[in-house]
Amino acid sequence: MGQVLFKLLLGIFGLFLMLGMVLFLLVYAVWASLKWLLTGQKPQVAVVWQRYREMRTQTAWGSTASRSTTSSDDIVDVEVREVHPDPLQDKLLK
């Protein structure tokens, strides 16, 4: 009789725990959706999931399949300037 009562109480506790988690996730989903609509910022869960999917699609060389093609948007012009050694720094290094 004691084992049956213990199993029944454990089952009820598990049911309440599961219902509490489902309720918490439902409240969080509503809150995150409203925050997303009002502020325009994605929920943290969505950002983490997106980054995880991006990491899974990367190849061993660290680039994704979409990045392997070179387009004109990837080219950046930079200004070149000469760097002369500082005499004070040379004295400090010796």
N, C-alpha and C. Protein backbone atom coordinates (compact mmCIF):
# COMPACT_ATOMS: atom_id res chain seq x y z
N MET A 1 0.82 -1.19 0.00
CA MET A 1 0.00 0.00 0.00
C MET A 1 0.87 1.26 0.00
N GLY A 2 1.99 1.21 0.73
CA GLY A 2 2.87 2.37 0.83
C GLY A 2 3.54 2.70 -0.50
N GLN A 3 3.91 1.64 -1.25
CA GLN A 3 4.56 1.87 -2.55
C GLN A 3 3.58 2.47 -3.55
N VAL A 4 2.35 2.05 -3.52
CA VAL A 4 1.34 2.56 -4.44
C VAL A 4 1.08 4.04 -4.14
N LEU A 5 0.99 4.38 -2.86
CA LEU A 5 0.77 5.78 -2.47
C LEU A 5 1.97 6.64 -2.87
N PHE A 6 3.19 6.10 -2.67
CA PHE A 6 4.40 6.84 -3.06
C PHE A 6 4.44 7.06 -4.57
N LYS A 7 4.11 6.03 -5.36
CA LYS A 7 4.10 6.17 -6.81
C LYS A 7 3.04 7.16 -7.26
N LEU A 8 1.90 7.15 -6.59
CA LEU A 8 0.83 8.08 -6.93
C LEU A 8 1.25 9.52 -6.64
N LEU A 9 1.85 9.75 -5.48
CA LEU A 9 2.32 11.10 -5.14
C LEU A 9 3.44 11.55 -6.07
N LEU A 10 4.33 10.64 -6.41
CA LEU A 10 5.42 10.97 -7.33
C LEU A 10 4.87 11.31 -8.72
N GLY A 11 3.86 10.57 -9.16
CA GLY A 11 3.23 10.84 -10.45
C GLY A 11 2.53 12.19 -10.45
N ILE A 12 1.83 12.52 -9.36
CA ILE A 12 1.16 13.82 -9.25
C ILE A 12 2.18 14.94 -9.23
N PHE A 13 3.27 14.76 -8.50
CA PHE A 13 4.34 15.76 -8.47
C PHE A 13 4.92 15.98 -9.87
N GLY A 14 5.17 14.89 -10.59
CA GLY A 14 5.69 14.99 -11.96
C GLY A 14 4.72 15.70 -12.89
N LEU A 15 3.44 15.42 -12.72
CA LEU A 15 2.42 16.07 -13.54
C LEU A 15 2.39 17.57 -13.28
N PHE A 16 2.42 17.96 -12.00
CA PHE A 16 2.44 19.40 -11.67
C PHE A 16 3.71 20.07 -12.18
N LEU A 17 4.83 19.38 -12.09
CA LEU A 17 6.09 19.92 -12.59
C LEU A 17 6.02 20.14 -14.10
N MET A 18 5.49 19.16 -14.82
CA MET A 18 5.36 19.27 -16.27
C MET A 18 4.40 20.40 -16.64
N LEU A 19 3.26 20.48 -15.98
CA LEU A 19 2.30 21.55 -16.26
C LEU A 19 2.88 22.92 -15.94
N GLY A 20 3.67 23.01 -14.89
CA GLY A 20 4.32 24.27 -14.55
C GLY A 20 5.32 24.69 -15.61
N MET A 21 6.07 23.74 -16.12
CA MET A 21 7.04 24.06 -17.18
C MET A 21 6.34 24.50 -18.46
N VAL A 22 5.26 23.81 -18.81
CA VAL A 22 4.50 24.17 -20.01
C VAL A 22 3.91 25.56 -19.84
N LEU A 23 3.37 25.86 -18.67
CA LEU A 23 2.81 27.19 -18.40
C LEU A 23 3.89 28.26 -18.47
N PHE A 24 5.07 27.98 -17.90
CA PHE A 24 6.18 28.92 -17.95
C PHE A 24 6.61 29.19 -19.39
N LEU A 25 6.73 28.14 -20.19
CA LEU A 25 7.14 28.32 -21.58
C LEU A 25 6.09 29.09 -22.38
N LEU A 26 4.83 28.86 -22.09
CA LEU A 26 3.76 29.59 -22.76
C LEU A 26 3.80 31.07 -22.40
N VAL A 27 3.98 31.38 -21.13
CA VAL A 27 4.07 32.78 -20.70
C VAL A 27 5.30 33.44 -21.30
N TYR A 28 6.43 32.73 -21.34
CA TYR A 28 7.64 33.29 -21.92
C TYR A 28 7.47 33.55 -23.42
N ALA A 29 6.81 32.63 -24.12
CA ALA A 29 6.61 32.80 -25.56
C ALA A 29 5.74 34.03 -25.84
N VAL A 30 4.70 34.23 -25.06
CA VAL A 30 3.84 35.41 -25.24
C VAL A 30 4.62 36.67 -24.92
N TRP A 31 5.37 36.67 -23.81
CA TRP A 31 6.14 37.85 -23.42
C TRP A 31 7.22 38.18 -24.46
N ALA A 32 7.93 37.16 -24.94
CA ALA A 32 9.00 37.38 -25.92
C ALA A 32 8.41 37.89 -27.24
N SER A 33 7.25 37.37 -27.62
CA SER A 33 6.62 37.82 -28.87
C SER A 33 6.18 39.27 -28.76
N LEU A 34 5.60 39.64 -27.64
CA LEU A 34 5.19 41.04 -27.45
C LEU A 34 6.40 41.97 -27.42
N LYS A 35 7.46 41.55 -26.75
CA LYS A 35 8.69 42.36 -26.70
C LYS A 35 9.28 42.50 -28.10
N TRP A 36 9.24 41.43 -28.90
CA TRP A 36 9.75 41.45 -30.26
C TRP A 36 8.94 42.42 -31.11
N LEU A 37 7.62 42.41 -30.95
CA LEU A 37 6.77 43.32 -31.71
C LEU A 37 6.98 44.78 -31.31
N LEU A 38 7.17 45.03 -30.02
CA LEU A 38 7.29 46.42 -29.54
C LEU A 38 8.68 47.00 -29.77
N THR A 39 9.72 46.22 -29.56
CA THR A 39 11.09 46.76 -29.65
C THR A 39 11.77 46.42 -30.96
N GLY A 40 11.34 45.39 -31.64
CA GLY A 40 11.99 44.99 -32.88
C GLY A 40 13.19 44.10 -32.66
N GLN A 41 13.52 43.78 -31.41
CA GLN A 41 14.66 42.91 -31.12
C GLN A 41 14.18 41.47 -31.03
N LYS A 42 14.90 40.58 -31.70
CA LYS A 42 14.54 39.16 -31.64
C LYS A 42 14.75 38.64 -30.22
N PRO A 43 13.94 37.66 -29.83
CA PRO A 43 14.18 37.03 -28.52
C PRO A 43 15.54 36.34 -28.51
N GLN A 44 16.14 36.25 -27.35
CA GLN A 44 17.47 35.68 -27.21
C GLN A 44 17.50 34.24 -27.69
N VAL A 45 16.42 33.51 -27.47
CA VAL A 45 16.37 32.11 -27.91
C VAL A 45 16.47 32.04 -29.43
N ALA A 46 15.80 32.95 -30.13
CA ALA A 46 15.84 32.95 -31.60
C ALA A 46 17.23 33.30 -32.11
N VAL A 47 17.91 34.23 -31.43
CA VAL A 47 19.26 34.63 -31.85
C VAL A 47 20.24 33.48 -31.64
N VAL A 48 20.14 32.82 -30.50
CA VAL A 48 21.04 31.69 -30.22
C VAL A 48 20.79 30.56 -31.21
N TRP A 49 19.53 30.27 -31.50
CA TRP A 49 19.21 29.20 -32.44
C TRP A 49 19.73 29.54 -33.84
N GLN A 50 19.61 30.81 -34.25
CA GLN A 50 20.11 31.23 -35.57
C GLN A 50 21.62 31.08 -35.65
N ARG A 51 22.34 31.48 -34.62
CA ARG A 51 23.80 31.33 -34.61
C ARG A 51 24.21 29.87 -34.60
N TYR A 52 23.46 29.05 -33.90
CA TYR A 52 23.76 27.62 -33.87
C TYR A 52 23.60 27.02 -35.27
N ARG A 53 22.55 27.39 -35.98
CA ARG A 53 22.34 26.89 -37.33
C ARG A 53 23.43 27.38 -38.27
N GLU A 54 23.89 28.63 -38.10
CA GLU A 54 24.97 29.15 -38.92
C GLU A 54 26.26 28.38 -38.66
N MET A 55 26.53 28.06 -37.40
CA MET A 55 27.75 27.31 -37.07
C MET A 55 27.69 25.91 -37.64
N ARG A 56 26.52 25.29 -37.67
CA ARG A 56 26.40 23.93 -38.22
C ARG A 56 26.64 23.90 -39.71
N THR A 57 26.32 25.00 -40.42
CA THR A 57 26.49 25.00 -41.87
C THR A 57 27.90 25.38 -42.29
N GLN A 58 28.74 25.77 -41.36
CA GLN A 58 30.11 26.13 -41.72
C GLN A 58 30.89 24.89 -42.10
N THR A 59 31.80 25.07 -43.05
CA THR A 59 32.68 23.97 -43.45
C THR A 59 33.87 23.91 -42.52
N ALA A 60 34.75 22.98 -42.75
CA ALA A 60 35.94 22.83 -41.91
C ALA A 60 36.88 24.02 -42.05
N TRP A 61 36.77 24.75 -43.14
CA TRP A 61 37.66 25.89 -43.37
C TRP A 61 37.11 27.17 -42.77
N GLY A 62 35.96 27.12 -42.13
CA GLY A 62 35.44 28.29 -41.45
C GLY A 62 34.62 29.21 -42.32
N SER A 63 34.25 28.78 -43.50
CA SER A 63 33.42 29.63 -44.35
C SER A 63 32.17 28.85 -44.73
N THR A 64 31.09 29.57 -44.92
CA THR A 64 29.86 28.91 -45.31
C THR A 64 29.81 28.74 -46.80
N ALA A 65 28.89 27.95 -47.27
CA ALA A 65 28.78 27.70 -48.70
C ALA A 65 28.40 28.98 -49.45
N SER A 66 27.61 29.83 -48.82
CA SER A 66 27.21 31.07 -49.50
C SER A 66 28.36 32.07 -49.57
N ARG A 67 29.32 31.96 -48.67
CA ARG A 67 30.45 32.88 -48.66
C ARG A 67 31.56 32.44 -49.62
N SER A 68 31.49 31.23 -50.13
CA SER A 68 32.58 30.72 -50.95
C SER A 68 32.65 31.44 -52.30
N THR A 69 31.55 31.99 -52.77
CA THR A 69 31.57 32.73 -54.03
C THR A 69 31.98 34.16 -53.75
N THR A 70 32.83 34.72 -54.59
CA THR A 70 33.30 36.08 -54.41
C THR A 70 32.43 37.02 -55.21
N SER A 71 31.98 38.07 -54.56
CA SER A 71 31.18 39.08 -55.24
C SER A 71 31.85 40.43 -55.10
N SER A 72 31.36 41.40 -55.81
CA SER A 72 31.98 42.73 -55.77
C SER A 72 31.75 43.40 -54.42
N ASP A 73 30.80 42.92 -53.63
CA ASP A 73 30.55 43.51 -52.31
C ASP A 73 31.64 43.15 -51.31
N ASP A 74 32.40 42.10 -51.58
CA ASP A 74 33.44 41.66 -50.65
C ASP A 74 34.71 42.49 -50.76
N ILE A 75 34.87 43.28 -51.81
CA ILE A 75 36.11 44.03 -52.03
C ILE A 75 36.00 45.38 -51.34
N VAL A 76 37.03 45.69 -50.53
CA VAL A 76 37.05 46.94 -49.79
C VAL A 76 38.35 47.67 -50.12
N ASP A 77 38.25 48.95 -50.51
CA ASP A 77 39.44 49.76 -50.76
C ASP A 77 39.94 50.33 -49.44
N VAL A 78 41.24 50.31 -49.25
CA VAL A 78 41.83 50.88 -48.04
C VAL A 78 42.90 51.88 -48.43
N GLU A 79 43.18 52.79 -47.52
CA GLU A 79 44.21 53.79 -47.76
C GLU A 79 45.53 53.29 -47.18
N VAL A 80 46.60 53.38 -47.96
CA VAL A 80 47.90 52.89 -47.54
C VAL A 80 48.70 54.06 -46.98
N ARG A 81 49.36 53.82 -45.85
CA ARG A 81 50.25 54.84 -45.29
C ARG A 81 51.48 54.14 -44.74
N GLU A 82 52.61 54.84 -44.83
CA GLU A 82 53.85 54.26 -44.33
C GLU A 82 53.95 54.46 -42.83
N VAL A 83 54.54 53.48 -42.19
CA VAL A 83 54.76 53.54 -40.75
C VAL A 83 56.26 53.55 -40.53
N HIS A 84 56.74 54.63 -39.91
CA HIS A 84 58.18 54.76 -39.65
C HIS A 84 58.45 54.33 -38.21
N PRO A 85 59.59 53.67 -38.00
CA PRO A 85 59.91 53.23 -36.64
C PRO A 85 60.17 54.42 -35.72
N ASP A 86 59.73 54.29 -34.51
CA ASP A 86 59.92 55.33 -33.50
C ASP A 86 61.29 55.14 -32.85
N PRO A 87 62.16 56.18 -32.86
CA PRO A 87 63.50 56.00 -32.26
C PRO A 87 63.44 55.69 -30.76
N LEU A 88 62.47 56.25 -30.05
CA LEU A 88 62.35 55.97 -28.62
C LEU A 88 62.00 54.50 -28.39
N GLN A 89 61.14 53.96 -29.21
CA GLN A 89 60.77 52.57 -29.07
C GLN A 89 61.95 51.64 -29.38
N ASP A 90 62.79 52.05 -30.37
CA ASP A 90 63.97 51.25 -30.67
C ASP A 90 64.92 51.20 -29.49
N LYS A 91 65.07 52.31 -28.76
CA LYS A 91 65.95 52.34 -27.60
C LYS A 91 65.41 51.46 -26.49
N LEU A 92 64.07 51.43 -26.34
CA LEU A 92 63.46 50.62 -25.30
C LEU A 92 63.60 49.12 -25.58
N LEU A 93 63.57 48.77 -26.86
CA LEU A 93 63.66 47.36 -27.22
C LEU A 93 65.08 46.82 -27.10
N LYS A 94 66.09 47.67 -27.14
CA LYS A 94 67.48 47.21 -27.08
C LYS A 94 67.95 46.97 -25.68
